[in-house]
């Protein structure tokens, strides 16, 4: 069995949903990532369990701008995205991922969920858990789980009720 990674972003002060995610998934996933704009303090006890970075609405310099974390055999890059121009595309983020030999790059900022494989790296934005935008905003907030194994990365997006969104699952083959 491989790793399981939870990814959430842009909760914008909605601490309760992060508590619920922690209660549901702690001990059941290998790692939990928050892609910024939590609008919480960096020493909030929640962040004992979540890897977290600074977003454009987080003002405490104790938050890191980016974090590189090993999760099993994966090298995970975590950043909010605003410092890498993700509103205009993934070019800068792609370069950062390559520099850090990342196999998974996690980001938020746009509030638009999405996932794509590029140069052997999975780029994933879980969307905003609290203020979604775009085509899937009717879902009312999303987060993602990544199941990692030797053959593939399986991405499944979930709603705030912890239900998988059937049309929002995709497998990315390795190599």
N, C-alpha and C. Protein backbone atom coordinates (compact mmCIF):
# COMPACT_ATOMS: atom_id res chain seq x y z
N UNK A 1 0.84 -1.19 0.00
CA UNK A 1 0.00 0.00 0.00
C UNK A 1 0.88 1.24 0.00
N UNK A 2 0.45 2.26 -0.75
CA UNK A 2 1.21 3.50 -0.86
C UNK A 2 0.76 4.54 0.14
N UNK A 3 1.16 5.76 -0.16
CA UNK A 3 0.85 6.89 0.72
C UNK A 3 -0.51 7.49 0.35
N UNK A 4 -1.10 8.18 1.31
CA UNK A 4 -2.33 8.94 1.08
C UNK A 4 -2.09 10.34 1.61
N UNK A 5 -2.36 11.34 0.76
CA UNK A 5 -2.06 12.74 1.07
C UNK A 5 -3.34 13.56 0.98
N UNK A 6 -3.63 14.33 2.04
CA UNK A 6 -4.78 15.23 2.05
C UNK A 6 -4.29 16.64 1.72
N UNK A 7 -5.05 17.33 0.86
CA UNK A 7 -4.67 18.68 0.44
C UNK A 7 -5.90 19.59 0.55
N UNK A 8 -5.72 20.71 1.26
CA UNK A 8 -6.79 21.69 1.42
C UNK A 8 -6.17 23.08 1.25
N UNK A 9 -6.99 24.05 0.88
CA UNK A 9 -6.47 25.41 0.68
C UNK A 9 -7.56 26.44 0.90
N UNK A 10 -7.11 27.67 1.10
CA UNK A 10 -7.97 28.85 1.07
C UNK A 10 -9.21 28.69 1.96
N UNK A 11 -8.95 28.37 3.23
CA UNK A 11 -10.06 28.25 4.19
C UNK A 11 -10.49 29.60 4.75
N UNK A 12 -9.66 30.63 4.61
CA UNK A 12 -10.01 32.01 4.94
C UNK A 12 -10.75 32.17 6.27
N UNK A 13 -10.10 31.68 7.34
CA UNK A 13 -10.65 31.86 8.68
C UNK A 13 -11.63 30.80 9.11
N UNK A 14 -12.02 29.91 8.23
CA UNK A 14 -12.96 28.83 8.57
C UNK A 14 -12.18 27.72 9.27
N UNK A 15 -11.93 27.93 10.55
CA UNK A 15 -11.15 26.97 11.32
C UNK A 15 -11.92 25.67 11.53
N UNK A 16 -13.24 25.76 11.67
CA UNK A 16 -14.06 24.58 11.97
C UNK A 16 -13.90 23.48 10.92
N UNK A 17 -13.83 23.83 9.65
CA UNK A 17 -13.71 22.80 8.62
C UNK A 17 -12.35 22.10 8.73
N UNK A 18 -11.32 22.85 9.13
CA UNK A 18 -10.00 22.24 9.30
C UNK A 18 -10.00 21.28 10.48
N UNK A 19 -10.70 21.65 11.56
CA UNK A 19 -10.84 20.76 12.72
C UNK A 19 -11.54 19.47 12.29
N UNK A 20 -12.61 19.61 11.51
CA UNK A 20 -13.36 18.42 11.06
C UNK A 20 -12.51 17.53 10.16
N UNK A 21 -11.73 18.14 9.26
CA UNK A 21 -10.83 17.35 8.40
C UNK A 21 -9.80 16.61 9.25
N UNK A 22 -9.26 17.28 10.24
CA UNK A 22 -8.28 16.66 11.12
C UNK A 22 -8.90 15.50 11.88
N UNK A 23 -10.09 15.71 12.42
CA UNK A 23 -10.78 14.64 13.16
C UNK A 23 -11.04 13.43 12.27
N UNK A 24 -11.42 13.68 11.03
CA UNK A 24 -11.75 12.58 10.11
C UNK A 24 -10.52 11.84 9.61
N UNK A 25 -9.43 12.58 9.33
CA UNK A 25 -8.32 11.97 8.60
C UNK A 25 -7.06 11.70 9.41
N UNK A 26 -6.92 12.30 10.59
CA UNK A 26 -5.69 12.08 11.36
C UNK A 26 -5.53 10.58 11.65
N UNK A 27 -4.36 10.08 11.33
CA UNK A 27 -4.09 8.65 11.51
C UNK A 27 -4.50 7.80 10.32
N UNK A 28 -5.21 8.40 9.36
CA UNK A 28 -5.67 7.67 8.17
C UNK A 28 -4.98 8.13 6.89
N UNK A 29 -4.20 9.21 6.99
CA UNK A 29 -3.44 9.70 5.86
C UNK A 29 -1.98 9.85 6.27
N UNK A 30 -1.11 9.82 5.28
CA UNK A 30 0.33 9.93 5.56
C UNK A 30 0.74 11.36 5.88
N UNK A 31 0.06 12.34 5.26
CA UNK A 31 0.39 13.74 5.48
C UNK A 31 -0.80 14.61 5.11
N UNK A 32 -0.88 15.79 5.77
CA UNK A 32 -1.93 16.76 5.48
C UNK A 32 -1.27 18.10 5.16
N UNK A 33 -1.74 18.71 4.06
CA UNK A 33 -1.16 19.96 3.56
C UNK A 33 -2.23 21.03 3.45
N UNK A 34 -1.89 22.24 3.90
CA UNK A 34 -2.75 23.41 3.71
C UNK A 34 -1.97 24.39 2.85
N UNK A 35 -2.53 24.74 1.69
CA UNK A 35 -1.83 25.55 0.69
C UNK A 35 -1.94 27.06 0.92
N UNK A 36 -2.26 27.49 2.12
CA UNK A 36 -2.24 28.91 2.44
C UNK A 36 -3.59 29.60 2.40
N UNK A 37 -3.58 30.84 2.87
CA UNK A 37 -4.78 31.63 3.12
C UNK A 37 -5.69 30.95 4.15
N UNK A 38 -5.05 30.47 5.21
CA UNK A 38 -5.82 29.95 6.35
C UNK A 38 -6.40 31.10 7.16
N UNK A 39 -5.67 32.23 7.19
CA UNK A 39 -5.98 33.38 8.02
C UNK A 39 -6.01 33.02 9.51
N UNK A 40 -5.22 32.00 9.86
CA UNK A 40 -5.02 31.62 11.25
C UNK A 40 -3.59 31.98 11.65
N UNK A 41 -3.31 31.88 12.92
CA UNK A 41 -1.95 32.14 13.41
C UNK A 41 -1.06 30.94 13.09
N UNK A 42 0.21 31.18 12.78
CA UNK A 42 1.09 30.06 12.44
C UNK A 42 1.32 29.09 13.60
N UNK A 43 1.08 29.54 14.85
CA UNK A 43 1.26 28.64 15.98
C UNK A 43 -0.07 28.00 16.42
N UNK A 44 -1.10 28.10 15.58
CA UNK A 44 -2.37 27.40 15.87
C UNK A 44 -2.07 25.91 16.00
N UNK A 45 -2.64 25.27 16.99
CA UNK A 45 -2.37 23.85 17.23
C UNK A 45 -2.74 22.95 16.04
N UNK A 46 -3.64 23.41 15.18
CA UNK A 46 -3.97 22.63 13.97
C UNK A 46 -2.73 22.37 13.13
N UNK A 47 -1.81 23.33 13.13
CA UNK A 47 -0.64 23.22 12.26
C UNK A 47 0.45 22.32 12.84
N UNK A 48 0.13 21.66 13.98
CA UNK A 48 0.97 20.55 14.43
C UNK A 48 0.76 19.35 13.51
N UNK A 49 -0.40 19.33 12.82
CA UNK A 49 -0.76 18.19 11.97
C UNK A 49 -0.77 18.52 10.49
N UNK A 50 -0.91 19.79 10.14
CA UNK A 50 -0.91 20.22 8.75
C UNK A 50 0.43 20.89 8.42
N UNK A 51 1.00 20.57 7.27
CA UNK A 51 2.06 21.41 6.70
C UNK A 51 1.33 22.61 6.12
N UNK A 52 1.84 23.82 6.36
CA UNK A 52 1.12 25.02 5.94
C UNK A 52 2.12 26.07 5.46
N UNK A 53 1.68 26.88 4.51
CA UNK A 53 2.49 27.98 3.97
C UNK A 53 1.68 29.28 4.03
N UNK A 54 2.38 30.38 3.79
CA UNK A 54 1.75 31.69 3.79
C UNK A 54 0.97 31.90 2.48
N UNK A 55 -0.19 32.52 2.61
CA UNK A 55 -0.95 32.94 1.44
C UNK A 55 -0.97 34.46 1.38
N UNK A 56 -1.56 35.00 0.34
CA UNK A 56 -1.59 36.46 0.19
C UNK A 56 -2.49 37.12 1.23
N UNK A 57 -3.33 36.36 1.93
CA UNK A 57 -4.17 36.91 3.00
C UNK A 57 -3.65 36.53 4.39
N UNK A 58 -2.48 35.92 4.45
CA UNK A 58 -1.82 35.61 5.71
C UNK A 58 -0.68 36.61 5.86
N UNK A 59 -0.58 37.23 7.02
CA UNK A 59 0.37 38.34 7.15
C UNK A 59 1.50 38.08 8.15
N UNK A 60 1.52 36.91 8.75
CA UNK A 60 2.55 36.61 9.73
C UNK A 60 3.78 36.02 9.03
N UNK A 61 4.92 36.69 9.14
CA UNK A 61 6.13 36.21 8.43
C UNK A 61 6.68 34.89 8.96
N UNK A 62 6.10 34.36 10.04
CA UNK A 62 6.54 33.05 10.53
C UNK A 62 6.10 31.91 9.61
N UNK A 63 5.10 32.17 8.77
CA UNK A 63 4.72 31.17 7.75
C UNK A 63 5.80 31.10 6.69
N UNK A 64 6.11 29.91 6.22
CA UNK A 64 7.07 29.73 5.13
C UNK A 64 6.41 30.09 3.80
N UNK A 65 7.21 30.55 2.83
CA UNK A 65 6.70 30.83 1.49
C UNK A 65 6.55 29.54 0.69
N UNK A 66 7.43 28.59 0.96
CA UNK A 66 7.33 27.29 0.32
C UNK A 66 7.95 26.26 1.26
N UNK A 67 7.51 25.03 1.13
CA UNK A 67 8.02 23.93 1.93
C UNK A 67 8.23 22.74 0.99
N UNK A 68 9.31 22.01 1.22
CA UNK A 68 9.57 20.76 0.51
C UNK A 68 9.50 19.65 1.56
N UNK A 69 8.66 18.65 1.33
CA UNK A 69 8.45 17.57 2.29
C UNK A 69 8.55 16.23 1.58
N UNK A 70 9.25 15.28 2.18
CA UNK A 70 9.26 13.91 1.67
C UNK A 70 8.08 13.17 2.30
N UNK A 71 7.27 12.55 1.45
CA UNK A 71 6.18 11.69 1.91
C UNK A 71 6.39 10.36 1.21
N UNK A 72 6.92 9.40 1.94
CA UNK A 72 7.31 8.14 1.31
C UNK A 72 8.36 8.43 0.26
N UNK A 73 8.12 7.97 -0.96
CA UNK A 73 9.08 8.20 -2.05
C UNK A 73 8.80 9.50 -2.82
N UNK A 74 7.76 10.23 -2.42
CA UNK A 74 7.39 11.47 -3.11
C UNK A 74 8.11 12.67 -2.51
N UNK A 75 8.46 13.60 -3.37
CA UNK A 75 8.96 14.91 -2.93
C UNK A 75 7.85 15.91 -3.21
N UNK A 76 7.29 16.46 -2.15
CA UNK A 76 6.13 17.34 -2.25
C UNK A 76 6.57 18.79 -2.06
N UNK A 77 6.23 19.62 -3.04
CA UNK A 77 6.43 21.07 -2.97
C UNK A 77 5.09 21.68 -2.58
N UNK A 78 5.10 22.50 -1.53
CA UNK A 78 3.89 23.18 -1.06
C UNK A 78 4.13 24.68 -1.11
N UNK A 79 3.25 25.40 -1.79
CA UNK A 79 3.29 26.86 -1.82
C UNK A 79 1.87 27.35 -2.08
N UNK A 80 1.62 28.62 -1.82
CA UNK A 80 0.28 29.16 -2.07
C UNK A 80 0.07 29.41 -3.57
N UNK A 81 1.10 29.94 -4.20
CA UNK A 81 1.00 30.17 -5.64
C UNK A 81 1.05 31.63 -6.05
N UNK A 82 0.65 32.54 -5.16
CA UNK A 82 0.61 33.96 -5.52
C UNK A 82 1.99 34.50 -5.86
N UNK A 83 3.03 33.95 -5.26
CA UNK A 83 4.40 34.42 -5.53
C UNK A 83 4.95 33.84 -6.83
N UNK A 84 4.22 32.91 -7.43
CA UNK A 84 4.66 32.24 -8.65
C UNK A 84 3.69 32.44 -9.81
N UNK A 85 2.81 33.42 -9.69
CA UNK A 85 1.96 33.83 -10.80
C UNK A 85 0.98 32.78 -11.29
N UNK A 86 0.43 31.97 -10.39
CA UNK A 86 -0.45 30.88 -10.83
C UNK A 86 -1.74 31.37 -11.48
N UNK A 87 -2.10 32.63 -11.27
CA UNK A 87 -3.27 33.17 -11.98
C UNK A 87 -3.02 33.24 -13.48
N UNK A 88 -1.75 33.30 -13.88
CA UNK A 88 -1.39 33.44 -15.29
C UNK A 88 -0.84 32.16 -15.90
N UNK A 89 -0.80 31.08 -15.13
CA UNK A 89 -0.27 29.82 -15.64
C UNK A 89 0.70 29.21 -14.65
N UNK A 90 1.22 28.05 -15.00
CA UNK A 90 2.05 27.29 -14.07
C UNK A 90 3.53 27.30 -14.42
N UNK A 91 3.96 28.18 -15.35
CA UNK A 91 5.36 28.17 -15.78
C UNK A 91 6.34 28.36 -14.63
N UNK A 92 6.15 29.38 -13.82
CA UNK A 92 7.07 29.65 -12.70
C UNK A 92 7.03 28.54 -11.67
N UNK A 93 5.83 28.04 -11.38
CA UNK A 93 5.69 26.94 -10.43
C UNK A 93 6.35 25.67 -10.97
N UNK A 94 6.23 25.45 -12.27
CA UNK A 94 6.86 24.30 -12.91
C UNK A 94 8.38 24.37 -12.76
N UNK A 95 8.95 25.55 -12.97
CA UNK A 95 10.39 25.72 -12.80
C UNK A 95 10.81 25.46 -11.35
N UNK A 96 10.03 25.96 -10.41
CA UNK A 96 10.32 25.74 -9.00
C UNK A 96 10.25 24.25 -8.67
N UNK A 97 9.25 23.56 -9.22
CA UNK A 97 9.12 22.12 -8.99
C UNK A 97 10.33 21.38 -9.55
N UNK A 98 10.76 21.75 -10.75
CA UNK A 98 11.93 21.11 -11.35
C UNK A 98 13.18 21.36 -10.53
N UNK A 99 13.38 22.60 -10.08
CA UNK A 99 14.55 22.94 -9.26
C UNK A 99 14.62 22.10 -8.00
N UNK A 100 13.46 21.79 -7.44
CA UNK A 100 13.39 21.05 -6.18
C UNK A 100 13.13 19.55 -6.37
N UNK A 101 13.16 19.11 -7.64
CA UNK A 101 12.94 17.70 -7.98
C UNK A 101 11.63 17.17 -7.37
N UNK A 102 10.61 18.02 -7.38
CA UNK A 102 9.31 17.65 -6.82
C UNK A 102 8.59 16.66 -7.73
N UNK A 103 7.91 15.71 -7.13
CA UNK A 103 7.05 14.79 -7.86
C UNK A 103 5.58 15.19 -7.70
N UNK A 104 5.31 16.01 -6.68
CA UNK A 104 3.97 16.56 -6.45
C UNK A 104 4.13 18.03 -6.07
N UNK A 105 3.41 18.92 -6.74
CA UNK A 105 3.42 20.35 -6.43
C UNK A 105 2.00 20.76 -6.04
N UNK A 106 1.85 21.25 -4.82
CA UNK A 106 0.55 21.63 -4.28
C UNK A 106 0.48 23.15 -4.15
N UNK A 107 -0.65 23.71 -4.58
CA UNK A 107 -0.83 25.16 -4.52
C UNK A 107 -2.30 25.50 -4.43
N UNK A 108 -2.60 26.75 -4.09
CA UNK A 108 -3.97 27.23 -4.01
C UNK A 108 -4.09 28.55 -4.74
N UNK A 109 -4.57 29.55 -4.04
CA UNK A 109 -4.67 30.95 -4.46
C UNK A 109 -5.81 31.23 -5.43
N UNK A 110 -5.98 30.46 -6.47
CA UNK A 110 -6.99 30.78 -7.49
C UNK A 110 -8.40 30.40 -7.06
N UNK A 111 -8.53 29.55 -6.06
CA UNK A 111 -9.81 29.00 -5.61
C UNK A 111 -10.43 28.10 -6.68
N UNK A 112 -9.67 27.73 -7.69
CA UNK A 112 -10.13 26.87 -8.78
C UNK A 112 -9.46 25.50 -8.64
N UNK A 113 -10.27 24.45 -8.50
CA UNK A 113 -9.67 23.13 -8.37
C UNK A 113 -9.11 22.67 -9.71
N UNK A 114 -8.09 21.84 -9.65
CA UNK A 114 -7.52 21.30 -10.87
C UNK A 114 -6.34 20.41 -10.57
N UNK A 115 -6.03 19.54 -11.52
CA UNK A 115 -4.87 18.66 -11.40
C UNK A 115 -4.37 18.36 -12.81
N UNK A 116 -3.04 18.32 -12.95
CA UNK A 116 -2.45 17.94 -14.22
C UNK A 116 -1.05 17.39 -13.97
N UNK A 117 -0.63 16.50 -14.85
CA UNK A 117 0.71 15.95 -14.78
C UNK A 117 1.57 16.67 -15.82
N UNK A 118 2.77 17.11 -15.40
CA UNK A 118 3.67 17.82 -16.30
C UNK A 118 5.10 17.45 -15.93
N UNK A 119 5.86 16.93 -16.88
CA UNK A 119 7.25 16.56 -16.65
C UNK A 119 7.42 15.63 -15.45
N UNK A 120 6.50 14.69 -15.30
CA UNK A 120 6.60 13.72 -14.21
C UNK A 120 6.21 14.25 -12.85
N UNK A 121 5.63 15.46 -12.80
CA UNK A 121 5.19 16.07 -11.54
C UNK A 121 3.69 16.31 -11.59
N UNK A 122 2.99 15.90 -10.54
CA UNK A 122 1.56 16.20 -10.40
C UNK A 122 1.40 17.59 -9.82
N UNK A 123 0.72 18.48 -10.54
CA UNK A 123 0.37 19.81 -10.05
C UNK A 123 -1.08 19.76 -9.61
N UNK A 124 -1.35 20.11 -8.35
CA UNK A 124 -2.70 19.98 -7.83
C UNK A 124 -3.09 21.22 -7.03
N UNK A 125 -4.25 21.76 -7.37
CA UNK A 125 -4.91 22.81 -6.61
C UNK A 125 -6.21 22.20 -6.11
N UNK A 126 -6.39 22.10 -4.78
CA UNK A 126 -7.61 21.46 -4.26
C UNK A 126 -8.85 22.34 -4.37
N UNK A 127 -8.69 23.56 -4.87
CA UNK A 127 -9.78 24.53 -4.85
C UNK A 127 -9.86 25.13 -3.46
N UNK A 128 -10.80 25.99 -3.23
CA UNK A 128 -10.99 26.58 -1.90
C UNK A 128 -12.02 25.77 -1.13
N UNK A 129 -11.70 25.42 0.11
CA UNK A 129 -12.65 24.69 0.95
C UNK A 129 -13.79 25.61 1.40
N UNK A 130 -13.59 26.93 1.35
CA UNK A 130 -14.58 27.86 1.88
C UNK A 130 -15.20 28.81 0.86
N UNK A 131 -14.43 29.21 -0.15
CA UNK A 131 -14.93 30.17 -1.14
C UNK A 131 -14.56 29.73 -2.55
N UNK A 132 -15.18 28.64 -3.03
CA UNK A 132 -14.81 28.12 -4.35
C UNK A 132 -15.22 29.07 -5.48
N UNK A 133 -14.46 28.98 -6.56
CA UNK A 133 -14.76 29.77 -7.76
C UNK A 133 -14.80 28.82 -8.96
N UNK A 134 -15.37 29.33 -10.03
CA UNK A 134 -15.30 28.63 -11.30
C UNK A 134 -16.37 27.57 -11.49
N UNK A 135 -16.09 26.69 -12.44
CA UNK A 135 -17.02 25.67 -12.91
C UNK A 135 -17.59 24.80 -11.79
N UNK A 136 -16.79 24.54 -10.74
CA UNK A 136 -17.23 23.62 -9.69
C UNK A 136 -17.62 24.34 -8.40
N UNK A 137 -17.85 25.65 -8.47
CA UNK A 137 -18.17 26.40 -7.26
C UNK A 137 -19.49 25.95 -6.63
N UNK A 138 -20.40 25.38 -7.44
CA UNK A 138 -21.68 24.91 -6.91
C UNK A 138 -21.50 23.78 -5.89
N UNK A 139 -20.34 23.13 -5.88
CA UNK A 139 -20.08 22.06 -4.92
C UNK A 139 -20.00 22.64 -3.51
N UNK A 140 -19.59 23.89 -3.39
CA UNK A 140 -19.58 24.56 -2.10
C UNK A 140 -18.30 24.40 -1.31
N UNK A 141 -17.21 24.13 -1.97
CA UNK A 141 -15.92 23.98 -1.30
C UNK A 141 -15.39 22.57 -1.50
N UNK A 142 -14.09 22.47 -1.77
CA UNK A 142 -13.49 21.17 -2.06
C UNK A 142 -12.12 21.03 -1.41
N UNK A 143 -11.74 19.78 -1.25
CA UNK A 143 -10.38 19.40 -0.88
C UNK A 143 -10.06 18.14 -1.68
N UNK A 144 -8.82 17.69 -1.62
CA UNK A 144 -8.42 16.54 -2.43
C UNK A 144 -7.64 15.53 -1.60
N UNK A 145 -7.76 14.27 -2.02
CA UNK A 145 -6.90 13.20 -1.52
C UNK A 145 -6.13 12.64 -2.69
N UNK A 146 -4.84 12.42 -2.47
CA UNK A 146 -3.99 11.78 -3.47
C UNK A 146 -3.58 10.43 -2.92
N UNK A 147 -3.92 9.37 -3.65
CA UNK A 147 -3.45 8.03 -3.31
C UNK A 147 -2.26 7.73 -4.20
N UNK A 148 -1.15 7.39 -3.57
CA UNK A 148 0.11 7.19 -4.27
C UNK A 148 0.43 5.70 -4.28
N UNK A 149 0.73 5.16 -5.45
CA UNK A 149 1.34 3.83 -5.51
C UNK A 149 2.37 3.81 -6.62
N UNK A 150 3.03 2.69 -6.80
CA UNK A 150 4.16 2.61 -7.73
C UNK A 150 3.73 2.84 -9.18
N UNK A 151 2.49 2.49 -9.53
CA UNK A 151 2.03 2.61 -10.91
C UNK A 151 1.36 3.93 -11.24
N UNK A 152 0.70 4.53 -10.22
CA UNK A 152 -0.11 5.72 -10.53
C UNK A 152 -0.30 6.61 -9.31
N UNK A 153 -0.78 7.81 -9.62
CA UNK A 153 -1.29 8.74 -8.60
C UNK A 153 -2.79 8.87 -8.86
N UNK A 154 -3.58 8.59 -7.86
CA UNK A 154 -5.04 8.72 -7.98
C UNK A 154 -5.46 9.96 -7.21
N UNK A 155 -6.12 10.89 -7.90
CA UNK A 155 -6.61 12.12 -7.28
C UNK A 155 -8.13 12.05 -7.21
N UNK A 156 -8.66 12.32 -6.02
CA UNK A 156 -10.11 12.38 -5.82
C UNK A 156 -10.43 13.66 -5.07
N UNK A 157 -11.34 14.46 -5.63
CA UNK A 157 -11.80 15.67 -4.95
C UNK A 157 -13.05 15.33 -4.13
N UNK A 158 -13.19 16.01 -2.99
CA UNK A 158 -14.29 15.78 -2.05
C UNK A 158 -14.97 17.11 -1.74
N UNK A 159 -16.25 17.02 -1.32
CA UNK A 159 -16.97 18.22 -0.89
C UNK A 159 -16.81 18.40 0.63
N UNK A 160 -17.42 19.44 1.15
CA UNK A 160 -17.30 19.76 2.59
C UNK A 160 -17.97 18.72 3.48
N UNK A 161 -18.81 17.87 2.92
CA UNK A 161 -19.46 16.80 3.69
C UNK A 161 -18.63 15.51 3.63
N UNK A 162 -17.40 15.62 3.12
CA UNK A 162 -16.46 14.49 3.03
C UNK A 162 -16.91 13.43 2.04
N UNK A 163 -17.73 13.84 1.08
CA UNK A 163 -18.22 12.92 0.05
C UNK A 163 -17.38 13.10 -1.21
N UNK A 164 -16.95 11.98 -1.83
CA UNK A 164 -16.22 12.11 -3.10
C UNK A 164 -17.14 12.68 -4.18
N UNK A 165 -16.60 13.56 -5.02
CA UNK A 165 -17.35 14.09 -6.15
C UNK A 165 -17.07 13.15 -7.32
N UNK A 166 -18.08 12.38 -7.75
CA UNK A 166 -17.83 11.29 -8.70
C UNK A 166 -17.13 11.71 -9.99
N UNK A 167 -17.47 12.87 -10.53
CA UNK A 167 -16.87 13.30 -11.80
C UNK A 167 -15.47 13.87 -11.62
N UNK A 168 -15.03 14.00 -10.37
CA UNK A 168 -13.74 14.65 -10.11
C UNK A 168 -12.75 13.67 -9.51
N UNK A 169 -12.48 12.62 -10.28
CA UNK A 169 -11.45 11.64 -9.92
C UNK A 169 -10.65 11.36 -11.18
N UNK A 170 -9.33 11.24 -11.02
CA UNK A 170 -8.49 10.97 -12.17
C UNK A 170 -7.25 10.20 -11.73
N UNK A 171 -6.78 9.32 -12.61
CA UNK A 171 -5.55 8.57 -12.38
C UNK A 171 -4.47 9.09 -13.33
N UNK A 172 -3.27 9.26 -12.79
CA UNK A 172 -2.11 9.65 -13.58
C UNK A 172 -1.10 8.52 -13.49
N UNK A 173 -0.83 7.90 -14.63
CA UNK A 173 0.14 6.82 -14.67
C UNK A 173 1.56 7.35 -14.51
N UNK A 174 2.38 6.56 -13.88
CA UNK A 174 3.81 6.90 -13.72
C UNK A 174 4.54 6.70 -15.04
N UNK A 175 5.63 7.51 -15.21
CA UNK A 175 6.51 7.31 -16.37
C UNK A 175 5.90 7.67 -17.60
